[in-house]
Amino acid sequence: QRSLYEFGIMEILSKILGPLMHFFGLPEKASFLWVVTNVIGISYGAAAIMDEMDRGTLSKDEIDLINTHIGISHSNFEDLLLFTALGGWWWAMLLSRWVLVTLLVWGVRLYRSLT
């Protein structure tokens, strides 16, 4: 993770996934955490989030938004492969997760802006 910062890969990843992060209501600099929690899972993702928090890369509010997002939509790669193998429609599962989590994160942002 630190090597990715050192070689500028985190900045490239943030720029590539920036529009998607904005759509989800997440900060652009959360791209790496989003990828990690969706591909590898929440266990390693939690450790990465704690590391980012310790480094001061993300604010408490940004981390709360990421936690809100990954609470519903994490481990998409592994879960979708498993449930697709059991006969599920991967696109329906992914789309329903993303719609729900997008509404929730933007709802949290709206609530914070009103209070």
C-alpha atoms as a PDB file:
ATOM      1  CA  GLN A   1       0.000   0.000   0.000  1.00  0.00           C
ATOM      2  CA  ARG A   2       2.776   2.419   0.871  1.00  0.00           C
ATOM      3  CA  SER A   3       4.608   1.451  -2.326  1.00  0.00           C
ATOM      4  CA  LEU A   4       1.543   2.421  -4.320  1.00  0.00           C
ATOM      5  CA  TYR A   5       1.755   5.879  -2.772  1.00  0.00           C
ATOM      6  CA  GLU A   6       5.487   6.058  -3.336  1.00  0.00           C
ATOM      7  CA  PHE A   7       5.237   5.337  -7.061  1.00  0.00           C
ATOM      8  CA  GLY A   8       2.194   7.574  -7.633  1.00  0.00           C
ATOM      9  CA  ILE A   9      -0.169   4.714  -8.432  1.00  0.00           C
ATOM     10  CA  MET A  10      -2.684   5.911  -5.833  1.00  0.00           C
ATOM     11  CA  GLU A  11      -3.021   9.245  -7.642  1.00  0.00           C
ATOM     12  CA  ILE A  12      -3.553   7.511 -10.978  1.00  0.00           C
ATOM     13  CA  LEU A  13      -6.143   5.172  -9.454  1.00  0.00           C
ATOM     14  CA  SER A  14      -7.934   8.130  -7.859  1.00  0.00           C
ATOM     15  CA  LYS A  15      -8.102   9.972 -11.178  1.00  0.00           C
ATOM     16  CA  ILE A  16      -9.380   6.922 -13.064  1.00  0.00           C
ATOM     17  CA  LEU A  17     -12.035   6.010 -10.493  1.00  0.00           C
ATOM     18  CA  GLY A  18     -12.823   9.610  -9.522  1.00  0.00           C
ATOM     19  CA  PRO A  19     -16.089   9.858 -11.512  1.00  0.00           C
ATOM     20  CA  LEU A  20     -17.338   6.573 -10.044  1.00  0.00           C
ATOM     21  CA  MET A  21     -16.410   7.681  -6.534  1.00  0.00           C
ATOM     22  CA  HIS A  22     -18.281  10.954  -7.071  1.00  0.00           C
ATOM     23  CA  PHE A  23     -21.329   9.039  -8.316  1.00  0.00           C
ATOM     24  CA  PHE A  24     -21.271   6.940  -5.139  1.00  0.00           C
ATOM     25  CA  GLY A  25     -20.857  10.074  -3.000  1.00  0.00           C
ATOM     26  CA  LEU A  26     -17.372   9.123  -1.856  1.00  0.00           C
ATOM     27  CA  PRO A  27     -14.184  11.204  -1.935  1.00  0.00           C
ATOM     28  CA  GLU A  28     -11.901  10.616  -4.912  1.00  0.00           C
ATOM     29  CA  LYS A  29      -9.017   9.691  -2.629  1.00  0.00           C
ATOM     30  CA  ALA A  30     -11.025   6.713  -1.336  1.00  0.00           C
ATOM     31  CA  SER A  31     -10.556   4.845  -4.630  1.00  0.00           C
ATOM     32  CA  PHE A  32      -7.950   2.433  -3.287  1.00  0.00           C
ATOM     33  CA  LEU A  33     -10.052   1.570  -0.244  1.00  0.00           C
ATOM     34  CA  TRP A  34     -13.074   1.018  -2.475  1.00  0.00           C
ATOM     35  CA  VAL A  35     -11.123  -1.347  -4.741  1.00  0.00           C
ATOM     36  CA  VAL A  36      -9.637  -3.262  -1.818  1.00  0.00           C
ATOM     37  CA  THR A  37     -12.933  -3.788   0.001  1.00  0.00           C
ATOM     38  CA  ASN A  38     -14.745  -4.794  -3.178  1.00  0.00           C
ATOM     39  CA  VAL A  39     -12.138  -7.187  -4.535  1.00  0.00           C
ATOM     40  CA  ILE A  40     -10.277  -8.574  -1.535  1.00  0.00           C
ATOM     41  CA  GLY A  41     -12.873  -8.110   1.178  1.00  0.00           C
ATOM     42  CA  ILE A  42     -13.681  -6.213   4.293  1.00  0.00           C
ATOM     43  CA  SER A  43     -10.990  -7.745   6.522  1.00  0.00           C
ATOM     44  CA  TYR A  44      -8.040  -6.363   4.576  1.00  0.00           C
ATOM     45  CA  GLY A  45     -10.082  -3.289   3.693  1.00  0.00           C
ATOM     46  CA  ALA A  46     -10.571  -2.480   7.371  1.00  0.00           C
ATOM     47  CA  ALA A  47      -6.824  -2.639   7.948  1.00  0.00           C
ATOM     48  CA  ALA A  48      -6.254  -0.350   4.949  1.00  0.00           C
ATOM     49  CA  ILE A  49      -8.862   2.095   6.266  1.00  0.00           C
ATOM     50  CA  MET A  50      -7.181   2.159   9.666  1.00  0.00           C
ATOM     51  CA  ASP A  51      -3.838   2.824   7.998  1.00  0.00           C
ATOM     52  CA  GLU A  52      -5.293   5.700   5.967  1.00  0.00           C
ATOM     53  CA  MET A  53      -6.897   7.089   9.112  1.00  0.00           C
ATOM     54  CA  ASP A  54      -3.601   6.913  11.035  1.00  0.00           C
ATOM     55  CA  ARG A  55      -1.813   8.696   8.183  1.00  0.00           C
ATOM     56  CA  GLY A  56      -4.455  11.442   8.137  1.00  0.00           C
ATOM     57  CA  THR A  57      -5.200  10.945   4.462  1.00  0.00           C
ATOM     58  CA  LEU A  58      -8.957  10.976   5.004  1.00  0.00           C
ATOM     59  CA  SER A  59     -11.109  12.923   7.433  1.00  0.00           C
ATOM     60  CA  LYS A  60     -13.438  11.278   9.954  1.00  0.00           C
ATOM     61  CA  ASP A  61     -16.473  12.223   7.852  1.00  0.00           C
ATOM     62  CA  GLU A  62     -14.906  10.711   4.731  1.00  0.00           C
ATOM     63  CA  ILE A  63     -14.098   7.508   6.582  1.00  0.00           C
ATOM     64  CA  ASP A  64     -17.672   7.363   7.889  1.00  0.00           C
ATOM     65  CA  LEU A  65     -18.961   7.627   4.312  1.00  0.00           C
ATOM     66  CA  ILE A  66     -16.642   4.840   3.186  1.00  0.00           C
ATOM     67  CA  ASN A  67     -17.766   2.652   6.092  1.00  0.00           C
ATOM     68  CA  THR A  68     -21.395   3.348   5.213  1.00  0.00           C
ATOM     69  CA  HIS A  69     -20.694   2.332   1.633  1.00  0.00           C
ATOM     70  CA  ILE A  70     -18.746  -0.847   2.342  1.00  0.00           C
ATOM     71  CA  GLY A  71     -21.179  -1.948   5.029  1.00  0.00           C
ATOM     72  CA  ILE A  72     -23.609  -2.762   2.234  1.00  0.00           C
ATOM     73  CA  SER A  73     -21.401  -3.182  -0.785  1.00  0.00           C
ATOM     74  CA  HIS A  74     -18.211  -5.075  -0.031  1.00  0.00           C
ATOM     75  CA  SER A  75     -16.555  -8.164  -1.447  1.00  0.00           C
ATOM     76  CA  ASN A  76     -18.489  -7.814  -4.678  1.00  0.00           C
ATOM     77  CA  PHE A  77     -16.001  -9.890  -6.623  1.00  0.00           C
ATOM     78  CA  GLU A  78     -16.023 -12.906  -4.312  1.00  0.00           C
ATOM     79  CA  ASP A  79     -19.711 -12.802  -3.388  1.00  0.00           C
ATOM     80  CA  LEU A  80     -20.904 -12.344  -6.936  1.00  0.00           C
ATOM     81  CA  LEU A  81     -18.770 -15.223  -8.187  1.00  0.00           C
ATOM     82  CA  LEU A  82     -20.129 -17.487  -5.477  1.00  0.00           C
ATOM     83  CA  PHE A  83     -23.789 -16.577  -5.939  1.00  0.00           C
ATOM     84  CA  THR A  84     -23.503 -16.644  -9.739  1.00  0.00           C
ATOM     85  CA  ALA A  85     -22.133 -20.178  -9.494  1.00  0.00           C
ATOM     86  CA  LEU A  86     -25.256 -21.036  -7.489  1.00  0.00           C
ATOM     87  CA  GLY A  87     -27.504 -19.623 -10.214  1.00  0.00           C
ATOM     88  CA  GLY A  88     -27.835 -15.959  -9.272  1.00  0.00           C
ATOM     89  CA  TRP A  89     -27.784 -13.098 -11.730  1.00  0.00           C
ATOM     90  CA  TRP A  90     -24.535 -11.268 -11.058  1.00  0.00           C
ATOM     91  CA  TRP A  91     -25.684  -8.063 -12.734  1.00  0.00           C
ATOM     92  CA  ALA A  92     -28.894  -7.899 -10.667  1.00  0.00           C
ATOM     93  CA  MET A  93     -27.002  -8.450  -7.420  1.00  0.00           C
ATOM     94  CA  LEU A  94     -24.346  -5.875  -8.272  1.00  0.00           C
ATOM     95  CA  LEU A  95     -26.821  -3.306  -9.538  1.00  0.00           C
ATOM     96  CA  SER A  96     -29.111  -3.650  -6.521  1.00  0.00           C
ATOM     97  CA  ARG A  97     -26.176  -3.244  -4.114  1.00  0.00           C
ATOM     98  CA  TRP A  98     -24.868  -0.202  -5.939  1.00  0.00           C
ATOM     99  CA  VAL A  99     -28.277   1.473  -6.160  1.00  0.00           C
ATOM    100  CA  LEU A 100     -28.972   0.913  -2.464  1.00  0.00           C
ATOM    101  CA  VAL A 101     -25.558   2.061  -1.310  1.00  0.00           C
ATOM    102  CA  THR A 102     -25.591   5.129  -3.557  1.00  0.00           C
ATOM    103  CA  LEU A 103     -28.949   6.218  -2.157  1.00  0.00           C
ATOM    104  CA  LEU A 104     -27.762   5.610   1.390  1.00  0.00           C
ATOM    105  CA  VAL A 105     -24.463   7.497   1.086  1.00  0.00           C
ATOM    106  CA  TRP A 106     -26.103  10.478  -0.608  1.00  0.00           C
ATOM    107  CA  GLY A 107     -28.805  10.364   2.069  1.00  0.00           C
ATOM    108  CA  VAL A 108     -26.131  10.539   4.777  1.00  0.00           C
ATOM    109  CA  ARG A 109     -24.496  13.459   2.966  1.00  0.00           C
ATOM    110  CA  LEU A 110     -27.853  15.241   2.690  1.00  0.00           C
ATOM    111  CA  TYR A 111     -28.584  14.657   6.378  1.00  0.00           C
ATOM    112  CA  ARG A 112     -25.173  16.058   7.357  1.00  0.00           C
ATOM    113  CA  SER A 113     -25.650  19.129   5.207  1.00  0.00           C
ATOM    114  CA  LEU A 114     -29.054  19.832   6.780  1.00  0.00           C
ATOM    115  CA  THR A 115     -27.869  19.484  10.374  1.00  0.00           C
END
